[in-house]
C-alpha atoms as a PDB file:
ATOM      1  CA  MET A   1       0.565  11.244 -11.609  1.00  0.00           C
ATOM      2  CA  ALA A   2      -1.432  11.738  -8.555  1.00  0.00           C
ATOM      3  CA  GLU A   3       0.156  12.762  -5.155  1.00  0.00           C
ATOM      4  CA  PHE A   4      -1.297  11.560  -2.018  1.00  0.00           C
ATOM      5  CA  HIS A   5      -0.987  13.660   1.061  1.00  0.00           C
ATOM      6  CA  MET A   6      -1.051  13.069   4.689  1.00  0.00           C
ATOM      7  CA  ILE A   7      -0.849  16.297   6.441  1.00  0.00           C
ATOM      8  CA  THR A   8       1.318  16.801   9.682  1.00  0.00           C
ATOM      9  CA  GLY A   9      -0.804  18.341  12.232  1.00  0.00           C
ATOM     10  CA  GLY A  10      -4.128  17.260  10.627  1.00  0.00           C
ATOM     11  CA  ALA A  11      -7.126  15.744  11.865  1.00  0.00           C
ATOM     12  CA  ARG A  12      -6.304  11.842  12.700  1.00  0.00           C
ATOM     13  CA  PRO A  13      -8.156  10.119  10.100  1.00  0.00           C
ATOM     14  CA  VAL A  14     -11.566   8.170  11.134  1.00  0.00           C
ATOM     15  CA  ALA A  15     -10.963   5.824   8.164  1.00  0.00           C
ATOM     16  CA  PRO A  16      -8.396   4.623   5.574  1.00  0.00           C
ATOM     17  CA  PHE A  17      -7.877   7.780   3.321  1.00  0.00           C
ATOM     18  CA  SER A  18      -5.418  10.538   2.657  1.00  0.00           C
ATOM     19  CA  HIS A  19      -6.320  13.955   3.661  1.00  0.00           C
ATOM     20  CA  ALA A  20      -5.830  15.031   0.107  1.00  0.00           C
ATOM     21  CA  VAL A  21      -5.067  13.728  -3.425  1.00  0.00           C
ATOM     22  CA  GLU A  22      -3.998  15.945  -5.815  1.00  0.00           C
ATOM     23  CA  ALA A  23      -3.380  15.467  -9.974  1.00  0.00           C
ATOM     24  CA  ASP A  24      -2.865  18.182 -12.684  1.00  0.00           C
ATOM     25  CA  GLY A  25      -3.089  21.028 -10.267  1.00  0.00           C
ATOM     26  CA  TRP A  26      -6.781  19.922  -8.628  1.00  0.00           C
ATOM     27  CA  LEU A  27      -6.920  18.868  -5.023  1.00  0.00           C
ATOM     28  CA  MET A  28      -9.560  16.527  -3.678  1.00  0.00           C
ATOM     29  CA  LEU A  29      -9.719  16.871  -0.003  1.00  0.00           C
ATOM     30  CA  THR A  30     -11.258  14.231   2.097  1.00  0.00           C
ATOM     31  CA  GLY A  31     -14.360  15.351   4.205  1.00  0.00           C
ATOM     32  CA  GLN A  32     -13.294  16.265   7.545  1.00  0.00           C
ATOM     33  CA  MET A  33     -15.110  15.901  10.793  1.00  0.00           C
ATOM     34  CA  PRO A  34     -15.119  18.155  13.914  1.00  0.00           C
ATOM     35  CA  THR A  35     -12.515  16.737  15.876  1.00  0.00           C
ATOM     36  CA  ASP A  36      -9.544  18.391  17.639  1.00  0.00           C
ATOM     37  CA  PRO A  37      -6.121  17.458  15.839  1.00  0.00           C
ATOM     38  CA  ALA A  38      -4.697  17.754  18.957  1.00  0.00           C
ATOM     39  CA  ALA A  39      -6.883  15.802  21.119  1.00  0.00           C
ATOM     40  CA  PRO A  40      -8.681  13.394  18.654  1.00  0.00           C
ATOM     41  CA  ASP A  41     -10.457  11.570  21.432  1.00  0.00           C
ATOM     42  CA  ALA A  42     -11.923  14.450  23.029  1.00  0.00           C
ATOM     43  CA  PRO A  43     -15.582  14.934  22.773  1.00  0.00           C
ATOM     44  CA  LEU A  44     -16.905  16.853  19.978  1.00  0.00           C
ATOM     45  CA  PRO A  45     -17.846  20.474  20.011  1.00  0.00           C
ATOM     46  CA  ASP A  46     -21.614  20.997  20.700  1.00  0.00           C
ATOM     47  CA  GLY A  47     -23.879  22.203  18.136  1.00  0.00           C
ATOM     48  CA  ILE A  48     -23.601  23.134  14.326  1.00  0.00           C
ATOM     49  CA  VAL A  49     -22.136  26.268  14.847  1.00  0.00           C
ATOM     50  CA  ALA A  50     -19.084  24.879  16.899  1.00  0.00           C
ATOM     51  CA  GLN A  51     -18.759  21.755  14.829  1.00  0.00           C
ATOM     52  CA  THR A  52     -18.955  23.881  11.284  1.00  0.00           C
ATOM     53  CA  LYS A  53     -15.981  26.137  12.802  1.00  0.00           C
ATOM     54  CA  ALA A  54     -13.799  22.945  13.886  1.00  0.00           C
ATOM     55  CA  VAL A  55     -14.503  21.502  10.469  1.00  0.00           C
ATOM     56  CA  MET A  56     -13.471  24.417   8.688  1.00  0.00           C
ATOM     57  CA  ARG A  57     -10.233  24.757  10.834  1.00  0.00           C
ATOM     58  CA  ASN A  58      -9.589  21.122   9.973  1.00  0.00           C
ATOM     59  CA  LEU A  59      -9.796  21.931   6.093  1.00  0.00           C
ATOM     60  CA  GLU A  60      -7.629  24.932   6.386  1.00  0.00           C
ATOM     61  CA  ILE A  61      -5.104  22.939   8.183  1.00  0.00           C
ATOM     62  CA  VAL A  62      -4.932  20.660   5.187  1.00  0.00           C
ATOM     63  CA  LEU A  63      -5.086  23.288   2.667  1.00  0.00           C
ATOM     64  CA  ASN A  64      -2.290  25.030   4.396  1.00  0.00           C
ATOM     65  CA  GLY A  65      -0.289  21.723   4.259  1.00  0.00           C
ATOM     66  CA  VAL A  66      -0.273  21.647   0.521  1.00  0.00           C
ATOM     67  CA  GLY A  67       0.434  25.459   0.400  1.00  0.00           C
ATOM     68  CA  LEU A  68      -3.073  26.602  -0.466  1.00  0.00           C
ATOM     69  CA  ASP A  69      -5.677  28.371   1.531  1.00  0.00           C
ATOM     70  CA  LEU A  70      -9.556  28.773   1.224  1.00  0.00           C
ATOM     71  CA  SER A  71      -9.217  31.398  -1.605  1.00  0.00           C
ATOM     72  CA  HIS A  72      -8.273  28.182  -3.947  1.00  0.00           C
ATOM     73  CA  VAL A  73     -11.500  26.325  -3.061  1.00  0.00           C
ATOM     74  CA  MET A  74     -13.900  25.627  -6.074  1.00  0.00           C
ATOM     75  CA  GLN A  75     -16.096  23.350  -4.763  1.00  0.00           C
ATOM     76  CA  CYS A  76     -17.498  22.020  -1.371  1.00  0.00           C
ATOM     77  CA  ARG A  77     -19.924  19.339  -0.195  1.00  0.00           C
ATOM     78  CA  CYS A  78     -21.476  19.597   2.865  1.00  0.00           C
ATOM     79  CA  TYR A  79     -23.197  16.942   5.019  1.00  0.00           C
ATOM     80  CA  LEU A  80     -25.880  17.480   7.754  1.00  0.00           C
ATOM     81  CA  THR A  81     -27.495  14.779   9.946  1.00  0.00           C
ATOM     82  CA  ALA A  82     -29.933  17.466  11.255  1.00  0.00           C
ATOM     83  CA  PHE A  83     -30.589  19.266   8.089  1.00  0.00           C
ATOM     84  CA  GLU A  84     -33.831  21.297   8.887  1.00  0.00           C
ATOM     85  CA  ARG A  85     -32.811  21.966  12.288  1.00  0.00           C
ATOM     86  CA  ASP A  86     -29.179  23.127  11.587  1.00  0.00           C
ATOM     87  CA  TYR A  87     -29.293  24.382   7.730  1.00  0.00           C
ATOM     88  CA  ALA A  88     -29.617  28.104   8.566  1.00  0.00           C
ATOM     89  CA  ALA A  89     -27.112  28.041  11.473  1.00  0.00           C
ATOM     90  CA  PHE A  90     -24.900  26.239   9.306  1.00  0.00           C
ATOM     91  CA  ASN A  91     -24.824  28.740   6.386  1.00  0.00           C
ATOM     92  CA  ASP A  92     -24.455  31.516   8.943  1.00  0.00           C
ATOM     93  CA  THR A  93     -21.284  30.236   9.743  1.00  0.00           C
ATOM     94  CA  TYR A  94     -20.161  28.779   6.657  1.00  0.00           C
ATOM     95  CA  GLN A  95     -20.320  32.052   4.665  1.00  0.00           C
ATOM     96  CA  THR A  96     -17.987  33.786   7.069  1.00  0.00           C
ATOM     97  CA  TYR A  97     -15.240  31.939   5.521  1.00  0.00           C
ATOM     98  CA  PHE A  98     -15.684  33.160   1.822  1.00  0.00           C
ATOM     99  CA  PRO A  99     -16.162  36.678   0.567  1.00  0.00           C
ATOM    100  CA  ALA A 100     -19.517  37.112  -0.923  1.00  0.00           C
ATOM    101  CA  ASP A 101     -18.190  37.637  -4.523  1.00  0.00           C
ATOM    102  CA  ARG A 102     -15.821  34.751  -4.210  1.00  0.00           C
ATOM    103  CA  ARG A 103     -17.991  31.688  -2.722  1.00  0.00           C
ATOM    104  CA  PRO A 104     -17.218  28.094  -4.092  1.00  0.00           C
ATOM    105  CA  ALA A 105     -20.153  26.135  -5.737  1.00  0.00           C
ATOM    106  CA  ARG A 106     -21.543  24.002  -3.153  1.00  0.00           C
ATOM    107  CA  THR A 107     -23.926  21.147  -2.580  1.00  0.00           C
ATOM    108  CA  THR A 108     -25.480  20.517   0.771  1.00  0.00           C
ATOM    109  CA  VAL A 109     -27.204  17.244   1.671  1.00  0.00           C
ATOM    110  CA  GLY A 110     -28.937  15.948   4.687  1.00  0.00           C
ATOM    111  CA  VAL A 111     -27.752  12.632   5.742  1.00  0.00           C
ATOM    112  CA  THR A 112     -28.832   9.927   8.452  1.00  0.00           C
ATOM    113  CA  ALA A 113     -25.579   9.654  10.146  1.00  0.00           C
ATOM    114  CA  LEU A 114     -21.641  10.894   9.952  1.00  0.00           C
ATOM    115  CA  ALA A 115     -18.557   9.140  11.309  1.00  0.00           C
ATOM    116  CA  VAL A 116     -17.879   9.952  15.219  1.00  0.00           C
ATOM    117  CA  GLY A 117     -21.484  10.942  15.649  1.00  0.00           C
ATOM    118  CA  ALA A 118     -20.736  14.423  13.955  1.00  0.00           C
ATOM    119  CA  LEU A 119     -23.392  16.776  12.968  1.00  0.00           C
ATOM    120  CA  VAL A 120     -21.392  18.241   9.837  1.00  0.00           C
ATOM    121  CA  GLU A 121     -18.849  17.024   7.267  1.00  0.00           C
ATOM    122  CA  ILE A 122     -17.474  18.910   4.516  1.00  0.00           C
ATOM    123  CA  ASP A 123     -15.059  17.840   1.771  1.00  0.00           C
ATOM    124  CA  MET A 124     -13.703  20.395  -0.821  1.00  0.00           C
ATOM    125  CA  LEU A 125     -11.985  20.364  -4.332  1.00  0.00           C
ATOM    126  CA  ALA A 126      -9.460  23.103  -4.771  1.00  0.00           C
ATOM    127  CA  ARG A 127      -7.090  24.290  -7.674  1.00  0.00           C
ATOM    128  CA  ARG A 128      -3.569  25.464  -7.774  1.00  0.00           C
ATOM    129  CA  PRO A 129      -2.966  28.850  -9.398  1.00  0.00           C
END
């Protein structure tokens, strides 16, 4: 049976979804936006680096809320609205969250727009040990 998780202290959803859904030890984390959970109506951070850090912080909040951390992440899907402009800076920032010998599988795609005018969104697949 699936468990549907809404994490206390997590970012306010921008659509009708759960922060994470869990089944058989697998967790699917909804894509997070670069919003501030403590001030959800505040302007987004400026630039891809600041927004990537905010997205990763929000994903860590969800992971921590279900008793996991980034070491449990198996796969990420990343979405960039300005792919050619932001891809290199995004990679430079993203790679700081994972050891070089323990990086999740990843897909990164360019998209025309994201919710709340974000430059980046990331979702994750994690596994309980």
